[in-house]
Amino acid sequence: MDSKDAYIAQLENTIKSLEKQVNNLTEMVLLLRKQNFGRSSEKTPKRETDTQPNLFNEAELEASPDAPEPVEKIDGAYRKRNPKTKREEILKDLPVRDVICDVHEADRICECCRTEMVLVGKETVREELEYIPAQIKTVRYVRLAYGCPKCKKEGTPNIVKALTPTSVMNHSLASPTTVAHVMYQKYVNGLPLYRQEKEWEQLGLALSRATMANWIIRCSQDWLAPVADILKKALLNRDIIHCDETTVQVLKEKGKSPESKSYMWLYRSGMDGKSPIILYDYQPSRAGQNAADYLKEFKGYLHTDGYSGYGKVENVIRCGCWAHVRRYFVEAIPDKKSKDPPTIAAEIGRDYCNRLFEIEKTLTDLSPDKRKVERLRLEKPVLEAFWSWLDTLTPLKGSRLGKAVAYALNQKPYLENYLLDGRCSLSNNIAENSIRPFVVGRKNWLFSDTPKGAEASATVYSIIETARANNLNISAYLNYLLLYMPDANYRIYPEEMEDMMPWSERVRQECGND
C-alpha cells in the first residue's frame, strides 16, 4: 500500500511539473506572438487605466485649474483658438524667390480711352517649394607669390607666398564638404556607401565606396577623434552618466568569426542642466570590464539597466531603471479576450510603475533640490507600498510574472538610489533613446567591415549625436570641424579646442539651429 501511495505521489508531482512547463511554454508563445504581431508601444491603454479608479487618486492629483483651454472668449462668445497653419510653420525659415508675373507692355494701354495704365496693386497667387539639385564643382587653390625686384637685382631674392588652408586629406580630392556629406548620408540618413556610390554616379563622378570608407576612417581618426577625446574627459567630470549597449557585426575581426557579435557601448550625460554629451565606444565583447575601463575616472551616479556587467564599475552609485521593471510586468500581461476581466498581479505591478512616472511628470519644472524633496514626499510611499506588495506574491517559478518579480527584487538595491539626487532620473530611457539612431542605421548598413571601420563609426556617431542633442545643424558642424581642425594646433595650444566644442559660442553662431 505504501508503494502505491508513493507511486501516486510521484505521478502527482510529475503532473504538477508538466503543468508548470506547459504554462511557461504557453507564456513564451504568447509573448513571442505579442512581440511579433502586437503593438510595440508599452503605453498603458486608456481603457485599462479606467478599470482601476480606486488604485490611485487620479482626479484630484492630476486636475489643474490653471490648465489652458484651446478656446478664447470674444464679446461673451467662445470660439476655437486658431493656431498657425501647417504651411506657415513649414515655410517660415525658407528663403523666398518672388516670380513677378507682369502684364505685357503693349497690353498696358486702356482699351477704352487709350491711356497708359499704372500699377494699382499686386497679389500672391500661390506658393510652391522649389528643389535645387546638388552640384559638384572643382575647387582649385591658387597660391600667389610676391618677390622683391630690388633684392633680386642684388642677388638676394626675397619671395613671400600666401598661406593656404591645410587639406583635410593629403593627395586626395576629399574636401570638408564632401566628407561631411558622406558621413551625414551614412550615419544620419542611414544610406550605405554602395548606395551613395550610385548617387555620386548620377552627379557625374565615379567615387567608389572604398574611397568613401577611407575618407570616413582617416578623417574620423585625424580630426574627429581629438574632439571626441575632449568630450570624453568632460563627460567623466560630470556627476551623472547613463549607459547602454547594443550589438554590431564586424566581419574582419581577429580571432572571431564574421557571424559573431561585437558591441557598441553608449555613455551619455544625464539631465544635469549642462550641455549634453553623447559618446559611443566600440568593443569586441560585452564584458563588464569594458565599462569599468571606460569609466575608471568617473565618480558619480551611474544609470544602467539590469545587466550585471555594470557591477564591475567601481566608485559609483548605481541607479536602476524603472522603465525596465515596468517592461517586465507589461510582458507578463496576457492578451485578454473577456469584456471586463479581473485585475491580475502583472497589471498591478505595471500600475505601480505608472504611478511613479506620473508623479515624475509633475516634477519636471522643479529645481533639483525641490525635486528631491517632492520625490521623498510623493514617491517614497509608492515605493514602500510596491515592495510590500511584492512580498505578498508567490508567482510560478520561470513564469513571466516570476521573472518580473525576480528582476525587481534583484534590482532593489539600485532602484531607489535616484532619490539621493534631484538630478537623477527615474529610468534609463535617455540612454536607450540615444542609442536608437545607431540601431536604426545598423538596419541599413548591416555591418562594419573592419574594427577600424567600427571605431570610426563610433567616433562619427559621437560627434553627430552630441551635435543633435545640442541643437546644432549636424551637417554644418561636421563641415566646421573638418574645415578648422586641420589648422588647429591643439597639441601645442590645447585651448584652441574650446572653439571646437558643440557648446562654444563660435560653433553656435556658425552651426546653430536657433
Protein backbone atom coordinates (compact mmCIF):
# COMPACT_ATOMS: atom_id res chain seq x y z
CA MET A 1 0.00 0.00 0.00
CA ASP A 2 2.85 2.31 0.83
CA SER A 3 4.39 1.70 -2.57
CA LYS A 4 1.10 2.65 -4.26
CA ASP A 5 0.87 5.90 -2.30
CA ALA A 6 4.47 6.74 -3.16
CA TYR A 7 3.79 5.97 -6.82
CA ILE A 8 0.67 8.16 -6.80
CA ALA A 9 2.58 10.99 -5.14
CA GLN A 10 5.31 10.67 -7.75
CA LEU A 11 2.75 10.88 -10.56
CA GLU A 12 1.12 13.93 -8.98
CA ASN A 13 4.49 15.69 -8.74
CA THR A 14 5.19 14.77 -12.35
CA ILE A 15 1.85 16.20 -13.43
CA LYS A 16 2.47 19.43 -11.49
CA SER A 17 5.91 19.74 -13.06
CA LEU A 18 4.50 19.19 -16.54
CA GLU A 19 1.74 21.72 -15.88
CA LYS A 20 4.35 24.29 -14.91
CA GLN A 21 6.29 23.56 -18.10
CA VAL A 22 3.14 23.87 -20.20
CA ASN A 23 2.21 27.17 -18.53
CA ASN A 24 5.70 28.57 -19.03
CA LEU A 25 5.85 27.45 -22.65
CA THR A 26 2.38 28.89 -23.28
CA GLU A 27 3.52 32.23 -21.84
CA MET A 28 6.57 32.16 -24.08
CA VAL A 29 4.44 31.53 -27.16
CA LEU A 30 2.02 34.34 -26.21
CA LEU A 31 4.90 36.72 -25.55
CA LEU A 32 6.53 35.92 -28.89
CA ARG A 33 3.20 36.41 -30.63
CA LYS A 34 2.75 39.76 -28.90
CA GLN A 35 6.29 40.84 -29.82
CA ASN A 36 5.91 39.81 -33.47
CA PHE A 37 2.32 40.80 -34.17
CA GLY A 38 1.22 43.03 -31.28
CA ARG A 39 1.79 46.74 -30.80
CA SER A 40 5.32 47.66 -29.75
CA SER A 41 4.26 50.57 -27.55
CA GLU A 42 4.38 49.95 -23.81
CA LYS A 43 1.90 52.73 -23.12
CA THR A 44 -0.97 51.60 -20.93
CA PRO A 45 -4.26 51.65 -22.90
CA LYS A 46 -6.73 54.16 -21.51
CA ARG A 47 -9.44 51.54 -21.20
CA GLU A 48 -7.21 49.62 -18.80
CA THR A 49 -6.43 52.61 -16.60
CA ASP A 50 -10.14 53.39 -16.45
CA THR A 51 -10.82 49.98 -14.87
CA GLN A 52 -8.71 50.92 -11.81
CA PRO A 53 -10.37 54.08 -10.45
CA ASN A 54 -9.54 53.32 -6.82
CA LEU A 55 -5.90 52.23 -7.14
CA PHE A 56 -4.65 55.82 -7.17
CA ASN A 57 -6.44 59.10 -6.63
CA GLU A 58 -6.01 60.30 -10.22
CA ALA A 59 -8.63 63.05 -10.48
CA GLU A 60 -7.54 65.14 -7.50
CA LEU A 61 -3.82 64.78 -8.21
CA GLU A 62 -3.97 65.40 -11.96
CA ALA A 63 -6.53 68.21 -12.05
CA SER A 64 -5.13 71.70 -12.61
CA PRO A 65 -7.33 74.81 -12.59
CA ASP A 66 -4.59 76.71 -14.45
CA ALA A 67 -4.51 74.35 -17.42
CA PRO A 68 -5.16 76.41 -20.61
CA GLU A 69 -8.09 75.60 -22.86
CA PRO A 70 -7.84 75.82 -26.67
CA VAL A 71 -10.60 78.46 -26.85
CA GLU A 72 -10.77 82.20 -26.43
CA LYS A 73 -13.67 84.40 -25.35
CA ILE A 74 -14.75 87.27 -27.62
CA ASP A 75 -17.73 89.51 -26.73
CA GLY A 76 -19.28 86.91 -24.46
CA ALA A 77 -18.99 84.11 -27.01
CA TYR A 78 -16.41 81.34 -27.33
CA ARG A 79 -14.55 80.24 -30.39
CA LYS A 80 -11.63 77.94 -31.09
CA ARG A 81 -8.20 79.48 -30.97
CA ASN A 82 -6.62 79.34 -34.42
CA PRO A 83 -3.03 78.10 -34.26
CA LYS A 84 -0.56 78.86 -37.03
CA THR A 85 -1.27 76.86 -40.13
CA LYS A 86 0.95 73.94 -41.01
CA ARG A 87 2.01 75.70 -44.25
CA GLU A 88 3.26 78.74 -42.32
CA GLU A 89 5.27 76.53 -39.97
CA ILE A 90 6.88 74.67 -42.88
CA LEU A 91 7.82 77.77 -44.85
CA LYS A 92 8.76 80.18 -42.06
CA ASP A 93 12.57 79.70 -42.28
CA LEU A 94 12.94 79.18 -46.03
CA PRO A 95 14.35 81.82 -48.38
CA VAL A 96 11.83 83.28 -50.81
CA ARG A 97 12.23 83.89 -54.55
CA ASP A 98 9.42 86.00 -55.98
CA VAL A 99 8.35 85.29 -59.55
CA ILE A 100 6.83 88.56 -60.85
CA CYS A 101 4.10 87.95 -63.38
CA ASP A 102 3.75 91.29 -65.18
CA VAL A 103 1.37 92.48 -67.87
CA HIS A 104 2.99 92.84 -71.30
CA GLU A 105 3.88 96.44 -72.13
CA ALA A 106 1.58 96.50 -75.17
CA ASP A 107 -1.37 95.42 -73.01
CA ARG A 108 -0.95 98.28 -70.52
CA ILE A 109 -2.91 100.67 -72.79
CA CYS A 110 -6.54 101.15 -71.77
CA GLU A 111 -8.91 99.74 -74.40
CA CYS A 112 -11.50 102.39 -73.55
CA CYS A 113 -9.54 105.66 -73.68
CA ARG A 114 -6.08 104.55 -74.85
CA THR A 115 -4.44 105.95 -71.67
CA GLU A 116 -1.35 104.21 -70.30
CA MET A 117 -2.25 102.19 -67.20
CA VAL A 118 -0.45 102.50 -63.87
CA LEU A 119 0.26 99.84 -61.21
CA VAL A 120 -2.57 99.73 -58.71
CA GLY A 121 -1.80 96.55 -56.74
CA LYS A 122 -0.38 93.07 -56.59
CA GLU A 123 -1.48 89.75 -55.11
CA THR A 124 0.18 86.47 -54.17
CA VAL A 125 -1.49 83.77 -56.25
CA ARG A 126 0.26 80.68 -54.82
CA GLU A 127 3.38 79.39 -53.11
CA GLU A 128 5.47 76.41 -54.20
CA LEU A 129 8.53 74.56 -52.97
CA GLU A 130 11.47 74.58 -55.36
CA TYR A 131 14.08 71.82 -55.23
CA ILE A 132 17.61 72.76 -56.35
CA PRO A 133 19.66 69.63 -57.14
CA ALA A 134 23.16 69.27 -55.71
CA GLN A 135 26.12 70.35 -57.81
CA ILE A 136 29.73 69.23 -57.85
CA LYS A 137 32.48 71.74 -58.55
CA THR A 138 36.25 71.53 -58.63
CA VAL A 139 37.81 73.92 -56.15
CA ARG A 140 41.33 74.88 -57.22
CA TYR A 141 43.56 76.61 -54.67
CA VAL A 142 45.85 79.05 -56.46
CA ARG A 143 48.62 80.45 -54.30
CA LEU A 144 50.13 83.83 -55.21
CA ALA A 145 53.77 84.64 -54.61
CA TYR A 146 55.45 88.05 -54.36
CA GLY A 147 59.13 88.85 -54.85
CA CYS A 148 61.26 91.94 -54.20
CA PRO A 149 62.73 93.18 -57.52
CA LYS A 150 65.47 95.17 -55.79
CA CYS A 151 66.72 92.21 -53.76
CA LYS A 152 66.57 90.10 -56.87
CA LYS A 153 68.95 92.51 -58.69
CA GLU A 154 71.30 92.42 -55.72
CA GLY A 155 71.42 88.61 -55.87
CA THR A 156 69.46 88.05 -52.62
CA PRO A 157 65.96 87.25 -53.87
CA ASN A 158 63.18 87.51 -51.29
CA ILE A 159 59.90 85.75 -52.10
CA VAL A 160 56.71 85.64 -49.98
CA LYS A 161 53.98 83.08 -50.68
CA ALA A 162 50.37 83.26 -49.50
CA LEU A 163 49.19 80.85 -46.83
CA THR A 164 46.75 78.13 -47.88
CA PRO A 165 44.31 76.13 -45.74
CA THR A 166 45.53 72.66 -44.80
CA SER A 167 43.90 69.85 -46.76
CA VAL A 168 41.57 67.54 -44.89
CA MET A 169 43.44 64.64 -46.57
CA ASN A 170 46.74 64.95 -48.40
CA HIS A 171 46.86 63.87 -52.06
CA SER A 172 43.11 63.39 -52.16
CA LEU A 173 40.09 65.00 -53.78
CA ALA A 174 38.35 64.99 -50.39
CA SER A 175 37.13 68.34 -49.07
CA PRO A 176 35.35 69.20 -45.80
CA THR A 177 32.02 69.44 -47.61
CA THR A 178 32.30 66.11 -49.46
CA VAL A 179 33.47 64.15 -46.40
CA ALA A 180 30.81 65.77 -44.24
CA HIS A 181 28.18 64.84 -46.84
CA VAL A 182 29.29 61.20 -46.97
CA MET A 183 29.24 60.97 -43.16
CA TYR A 184 25.85 62.66 -42.94
CA GLN A 185 24.30 60.40 -45.54
CA LYS A 186 25.55 57.23 -43.87
CA TYR A 187 25.17 57.99 -40.18
CA VAL A 188 22.18 60.35 -40.17
CA ASN A 189 20.19 59.22 -43.21
CA GLY A 190 21.29 55.57 -42.98
CA LEU A 191 22.45 55.46 -46.62
CA PRO A 192 25.08 52.71 -47.11
CA LEU A 193 28.19 53.51 -49.11
CA TYR A 194 27.22 51.30 -52.04
CA ARG A 195 24.05 53.35 -52.49
CA GLN A 196 25.98 56.59 -52.12
CA GLU A 197 28.27 55.30 -54.86
CA LYS A 198 25.26 55.21 -57.21
CA GLU A 199 24.20 58.68 -56.08
CA TRP A 200 27.63 60.12 -56.95
CA GLU A 201 27.42 58.43 -60.36
CA GLN A 202 24.18 60.31 -61.04
CA LEU A 203 26.07 63.53 -60.30
CA GLY A 204 28.76 62.60 -62.84
CA LEU A 205 31.55 61.43 -60.51
CA ALA A 206 32.91 57.88 -60.25
CA LEU A 207 33.52 57.77 -56.49
CA SER A 208 33.99 54.23 -55.16
CA ARG A 209 32.71 53.00 -51.82
CA ALA A 210 36.28 52.04 -50.87
CA THR A 211 37.37 55.65 -51.33
CA MET A 212 34.47 56.93 -49.22
CA ALA A 213 35.24 54.37 -46.50
CA ASN A 214 38.84 55.57 -46.48
CA TRP A 215 37.65 59.17 -46.15
CA ILE A 216 35.48 58.29 -43.13
CA ILE A 217 38.18 56.29 -41.33
CA ARG A 218 41.03 58.73 -41.96
CA CYS A 219 39.09 61.89 -41.14
CA SER A 220 37.48 60.40 -38.04
CA GLN A 221 40.92 59.35 -36.74
CA ASP A 222 42.70 62.60 -37.60
CA TRP A 223 40.10 65.30 -36.94
CA LEU A 224 37.04 63.95 -35.11
CA ALA A 225 38.69 61.62 -32.58
CA PRO A 226 40.54 64.51 -30.82
CA VAL A 227 37.19 66.26 -30.35
CA ALA A 228 35.63 63.04 -29.03
CA ASP A 229 38.54 62.65 -26.57
CA ILE A 230 37.90 66.12 -25.14
CA LEU A 231 34.19 65.31 -24.89
CA LYS A 232 35.03 62.10 -23.01
CA LYS A 233 37.12 64.00 -20.45
CA ALA A 234 34.26 66.45 -19.97
CA LEU A 235 31.78 63.59 -19.56
CA LEU A 236 33.85 61.80 -16.92
CA ASN A 237 33.90 65.01 -14.90
CA ARG A 238 30.10 65.11 -14.76
CA ASP A 239 28.09 63.79 -11.79
CA ILE A 240 25.65 61.63 -13.74
CA ILE A 241 26.20 59.19 -16.63
CA HIS A 242 23.72 56.92 -18.41
CA CYS A 243 24.94 53.72 -20.11
CA ASP A 244 23.60 51.21 -22.61
CA GLU A 245 24.98 48.78 -25.18
CA THR A 246 23.88 47.04 -28.37
CA THR A 247 25.30 44.57 -30.86
CA VAL A 248 27.26 45.32 -34.01
CA GLN A 249 28.65 42.85 -36.53
CA VAL A 250 32.28 43.24 -37.62
CA LEU A 251 33.34 40.92 -40.44
CA LYS A 252 37.13 41.00 -40.24
CA GLU A 253 37.82 40.87 -36.54
CA LYS A 254 40.90 38.99 -35.41
CA GLY A 255 40.16 35.70 -33.67
CA LYS A 256 36.39 35.89 -34.30
CA SER A 257 34.10 34.52 -36.99
CA PRO A 258 32.23 37.02 -39.20
CA GLU A 259 28.92 35.92 -37.64
CA SER A 260 29.99 36.69 -34.07
CA LYS A 261 28.69 39.67 -32.12
CA SER A 262 30.65 42.72 -31.13
CA TYR A 263 29.23 45.61 -29.12
CA MET A 264 28.71 49.33 -29.36
CA TRP A 265 28.60 50.91 -25.91
CA LEU A 266 26.89 54.22 -25.24
CA TYR A 267 27.74 56.71 -22.50
CA ARG A 268 25.88 59.97 -22.14
CA SER A 269 25.40 62.78 -19.65
CA GLY A 270 22.30 63.00 -17.51
CA MET A 271 19.71 65.71 -17.04
CA ASP A 272 22.08 67.91 -15.04
CA GLY A 273 21.30 71.22 -16.73
CA LYS A 274 24.60 71.30 -18.66
CA SER A 275 25.28 70.82 -22.36
CA PRO A 276 24.58 67.17 -23.25
CA ILE A 277 27.38 64.81 -24.28
CA ILE A 278 26.69 61.51 -26.08
CA LEU A 279 29.57 59.14 -26.82
CA TYR A 280 29.87 55.72 -28.45
CA ASP A 281 32.62 53.18 -27.80
CA TYR A 282 33.22 50.08 -29.94
CA GLN A 283 34.38 46.94 -28.14
CA PRO A 284 34.67 43.33 -29.37
CA SER A 285 32.71 41.94 -26.40
CA ARG A 286 30.00 42.70 -23.83
CA ALA A 287 32.32 42.09 -20.87
CA GLY A 288 31.61 44.45 -18.00
CA GLN A 289 35.31 45.25 -17.85
CA ASN A 290 34.82 47.42 -20.96
CA ALA A 291 32.54 49.75 -18.99
CA ALA A 292 34.88 49.59 -16.00
CA ASP A 293 37.86 50.66 -18.12
CA TYR A 294 35.94 53.45 -19.87
CA LEU A 295 34.54 54.84 -16.58
CA LYS A 296 37.53 54.28 -14.32
CA GLU A 297 37.93 58.03 -13.74
CA PHE A 298 34.21 58.63 -13.15
CA LYS A 299 32.80 59.05 -9.65
CA GLY A 300 29.11 59.77 -9.51
CA TYR A 301 25.67 58.33 -10.28
CA LEU A 302 25.66 55.63 -12.97
CA HIS A 303 22.28 54.88 -14.59
CA THR A 304 22.07 51.42 -16.19
CA ASP A 305 19.70 48.58 -16.93
CA GLY A 306 19.89 45.28 -15.03
CA TYR A 307 22.94 43.90 -16.86
CA SER A 308 25.26 42.50 -14.19
CA GLY A 309 28.41 43.53 -16.10
CA TYR A 310 27.96 47.12 -14.90
CA GLY A 311 28.67 45.85 -11.39
CA LYS A 312 32.37 45.89 -12.29
CA VAL A 313 32.38 49.69 -12.41
CA GLU A 314 33.84 50.86 -9.11
CA ASN A 315 33.44 54.03 -7.03
CA VAL A 316 29.99 54.86 -8.44
CA ILE A 317 26.44 54.92 -7.11
CA ARG A 318 24.47 52.74 -9.47
CA CYS A 319 20.87 53.71 -10.26
CA GLY A 320 18.40 51.17 -11.64
CA CYS A 321 15.80 51.68 -14.35
CA TRP A 322 12.10 51.65 -13.52
CA ALA A 323 11.21 51.52 -17.22
CA HIS A 324 12.78 48.05 -17.35
CA VAL A 325 10.81 47.00 -14.24
CA ARG A 326 7.64 48.19 -15.89
CA ARG A 327 8.54 46.38 -19.14
CA TYR A 328 8.78 43.04 -17.33
CA PHE A 329 5.32 43.48 -15.83
CA VAL A 330 3.87 44.58 -19.19
CA GLU A 331 5.28 41.42 -20.82
CA ALA A 332 3.60 39.35 -18.10
CA ILE A 333 0.15 40.71 -19.00
CA PRO A 334 -1.63 38.20 -21.29
CA ASP A 335 -3.90 39.16 -24.15
CA LYS A 336 -7.38 39.46 -22.71
CA LYS A 337 -10.49 38.34 -24.51
CA SER A 338 -13.28 38.90 -21.97
CA LYS A 339 -15.08 42.22 -21.74
CA ASP A 340 -14.40 43.02 -18.07
CA PRO A 341 -11.53 40.78 -16.99
CA PRO A 342 -10.39 40.83 -13.36
CA THR A 343 -7.22 42.69 -12.49
CA ILE A 344 -4.17 40.45 -12.35
CA ALA A 345 -0.91 40.86 -10.44
CA ALA A 346 1.08 41.91 -13.51
CA GLU A 347 -1.30 44.83 -14.10
CA ILE A 348 -0.96 45.97 -10.51
CA GLY A 349 2.82 45.93 -10.82
CA ARG A 350 2.60 47.91 -14.03
CA ASP A 351 0.27 50.44 -12.37
CA TYR A 352 2.71 51.00 -9.51
CA CYS A 353 5.39 51.86 -12.09
CA ASN A 354 2.94 54.05 -13.99
CA ARG A 355 2.22 55.97 -10.81
CA LEU A 356 5.90 56.77 -10.33
CA PHE A 357 6.21 58.08 -13.89
CA GLU A 358 3.04 60.15 -13.49
CA ILE A 359 4.43 61.83 -10.40
CA GLU A 360 7.74 62.48 -12.21
CA LYS A 361 5.88 64.41 -14.92
CA THR A 362 4.60 66.85 -12.32
CA LEU A 363 8.15 67.45 -11.02
CA THR A 364 9.80 68.25 -14.36
CA ASP A 365 9.97 72.02 -13.92
CA LEU A 366 11.25 71.97 -10.34
CA SER A 367 14.85 72.63 -9.32
CA PRO A 368 16.90 69.54 -8.40
CA ASP A 369 16.70 70.34 -4.68
CA LYS A 370 12.93 70.79 -4.72
CA ARG A 371 12.53 67.71 -6.90
CA LYS A 372 14.42 65.64 -4.35
CA VAL A 373 12.14 66.84 -1.54
CA GLU A 374 8.98 66.18 -3.55
CA ARG A 375 10.17 62.73 -4.58
CA LEU A 376 10.62 61.76 -0.94
CA ARG A 377 7.18 63.12 -0.13
CA LEU A 378 5.23 61.71 -3.08
CA GLU A 379 7.17 58.74 -4.46
CA LYS A 380 8.67 57.19 -1.35
CA PRO A 381 5.24 55.97 -0.11
CA VAL A 382 4.54 54.42 -3.54
CA LEU A 383 7.89 52.62 -3.42
CA GLU A 384 7.23 51.27 0.07
CA ALA A 385 3.80 50.06 -0.99
CA PHE A 386 5.28 48.40 -4.08
CA TRP A 387 7.92 46.45 -2.12
CA SER A 388 5.32 45.39 0.48
CA TRP A 389 3.04 44.20 -2.31
CA LEU A 390 5.87 42.21 -3.92
CA ASP A 391 6.43 40.35 -0.65
CA THR A 392 2.85 39.03 -0.81
CA LEU A 393 3.35 37.38 -4.21
CA THR A 394 4.27 33.75 -4.81
CA PRO A 395 4.47 33.60 -8.62
CA LEU A 396 5.18 30.43 -10.55
CA LYS A 397 8.92 30.00 -10.93
CA GLY A 398 10.03 30.63 -14.51
CA SER A 399 6.78 32.40 -15.47
CA ARG A 400 6.76 35.90 -16.90
CA LEU A 401 5.37 37.25 -13.63
CA GLY A 402 8.03 35.32 -11.73
CA LYS A 403 10.74 36.90 -13.88
CA ALA A 404 9.23 40.36 -13.34
CA VAL A 405 9.18 39.92 -9.57
CA ALA A 406 12.70 38.44 -9.54
CA TYR A 407 14.04 41.31 -11.66
CA ALA A 408 12.52 43.94 -9.36
CA LEU A 409 13.83 42.26 -6.21
CA ASN A 410 17.31 41.76 -7.69
CA GLN A 411 17.47 45.43 -8.70
CA LYS A 412 16.04 46.73 -5.42
CA PRO A 413 19.47 47.92 -4.13
CA TYR A 414 19.71 50.28 -7.14
CA LEU A 415 16.10 51.22 -7.88
CA GLU A 416 15.76 53.76 -5.03
CA ASN A 417 19.13 55.46 -5.49
CA TYR A 418 17.59 58.07 -7.80
CA LEU A 419 16.05 59.56 -4.64
CA LEU A 420 19.53 60.63 -3.46
CA ASP A 421 19.87 63.45 -6.01
CA GLY A 422 17.20 65.50 -7.75
CA ARG A 423 19.24 65.46 -10.98
CA CYS A 424 19.00 61.68 -11.25
CA SER A 425 16.33 60.06 -13.44
CA LEU A 426 13.65 57.51 -12.74
CA SER A 427 14.69 55.48 -15.79
CA ASN A 428 17.50 54.93 -18.25
CA ASN A 429 15.30 55.90 -21.18
CA ILE A 430 17.51 58.75 -22.40
CA ALA A 431 20.34 56.24 -22.96
CA GLU A 432 18.02 53.96 -24.92
CA ASN A 433 16.81 56.92 -26.97
CA SER A 434 20.40 57.98 -27.66
CA ILE A 435 21.48 54.55 -28.88
CA ARG A 436 18.43 54.20 -31.13
CA PRO A 437 19.95 56.17 -34.09
CA PHE A 438 22.76 53.61 -34.22
CA VAL A 439 20.27 50.72 -34.10
CA VAL A 440 18.20 52.27 -36.91
CA GLY A 441 21.29 52.96 -39.02
CA ARG A 442 22.52 49.39 -38.47
CA LYS A 443 19.40 48.07 -40.19
CA ASN A 444 20.56 49.80 -43.38
CA TRP A 445 24.33 49.29 -43.47
CA LEU A 446 24.08 45.95 -41.53
CA PHE A 447 27.75 45.55 -40.51
CA SER A 448 31.23 47.05 -40.32
CA ASP A 449 33.93 45.50 -42.46
CA THR A 450 36.85 46.00 -40.05
CA PRO A 451 37.42 47.07 -36.42
CA LYS A 452 38.84 50.36 -37.74
CA GLY A 453 35.55 50.96 -39.52
CA ALA A 454 33.60 50.19 -36.34
CA GLU A 455 35.81 52.57 -34.34
CA ALA A 456 35.33 55.26 -36.98
CA SER A 457 31.57 54.73 -36.81
CA ALA A 458 31.67 55.13 -33.02
CA THR A 459 33.58 58.41 -33.37
CA VAL A 460 31.31 59.85 -36.05
CA TYR A 461 28.15 58.82 -34.17
CA SER A 462 29.57 60.51 -31.05
CA ILE A 463 30.02 63.80 -32.89
CA ILE A 464 26.67 63.58 -34.68
CA GLU A 465 24.51 62.68 -31.68
CA THR A 466 26.21 65.22 -29.42
CA ALA A 467 25.59 67.87 -32.10
CA ARG A 468 21.95 66.81 -32.38
CA ALA A 469 21.49 66.95 -28.60
CA ASN A 470 22.96 70.47 -28.56
CA ASN A 471 20.54 71.62 -31.29
CA LEU A 472 23.24 72.10 -33.92
CA ASN A 473 22.92 71.67 -37.67
CA ILE A 474 24.69 68.30 -37.92
CA SER A 475 25.98 68.70 -41.46
CA ALA A 476 27.25 72.21 -40.73
CA TYR A 477 29.04 71.03 -37.57
CA LEU A 478 30.77 68.16 -39.38
CA ASN A 479 31.89 70.58 -42.09
CA TYR A 480 33.02 73.06 -39.41
CA LEU A 481 35.26 70.51 -37.68
CA LEU A 482 36.71 69.17 -40.95
CA LEU A 483 37.40 72.72 -42.10
CA TYR A 484 39.10 74.11 -38.98
CA MET A 485 40.62 71.08 -37.24
CA PRO A 486 43.44 70.56 -39.82
CA ASP A 487 44.78 74.05 -38.99
CA ALA A 488 44.18 73.85 -35.23
CA ASN A 489 47.50 73.48 -33.41
CA TYR A 490 45.71 71.84 -30.47
CA ARG A 491 48.65 69.68 -29.37
CA ILE A 492 50.71 72.78 -28.52
CA TYR A 493 47.78 75.04 -27.71
CA PRO A 494 45.01 72.85 -26.18
CA GLU A 495 42.86 75.90 -25.55
CA GLU A 496 42.14 76.05 -29.29
CA MET A 497 39.87 73.02 -28.82
CA GLU A 498 37.40 75.18 -26.91
CA ASP A 499 36.24 76.63 -30.23
CA MET A 500 35.53 73.09 -31.49
CA MET A 501 33.17 72.11 -28.68
CA PRO A 502 29.45 71.97 -29.56
CA TRP A 503 28.60 74.44 -26.80
CA SER A 504 31.14 77.11 -27.82
CA GLU A 505 29.79 80.49 -28.87
CA ARG A 506 31.57 80.31 -32.24
CA VAL A 507 30.07 76.91 -33.06
CA ARG A 508 26.61 78.06 -32.03
CA GLN A 509 26.89 81.08 -34.31
CA GLU A 510 28.06 79.11 -37.36
CA CYS A 511 26.20 75.81 -36.86
CA GLY A 512 23.26 76.54 -34.55
CA ASN A 513 19.68 75.75 -35.49
CA ASP A 514 18.33 78.63 -33.39
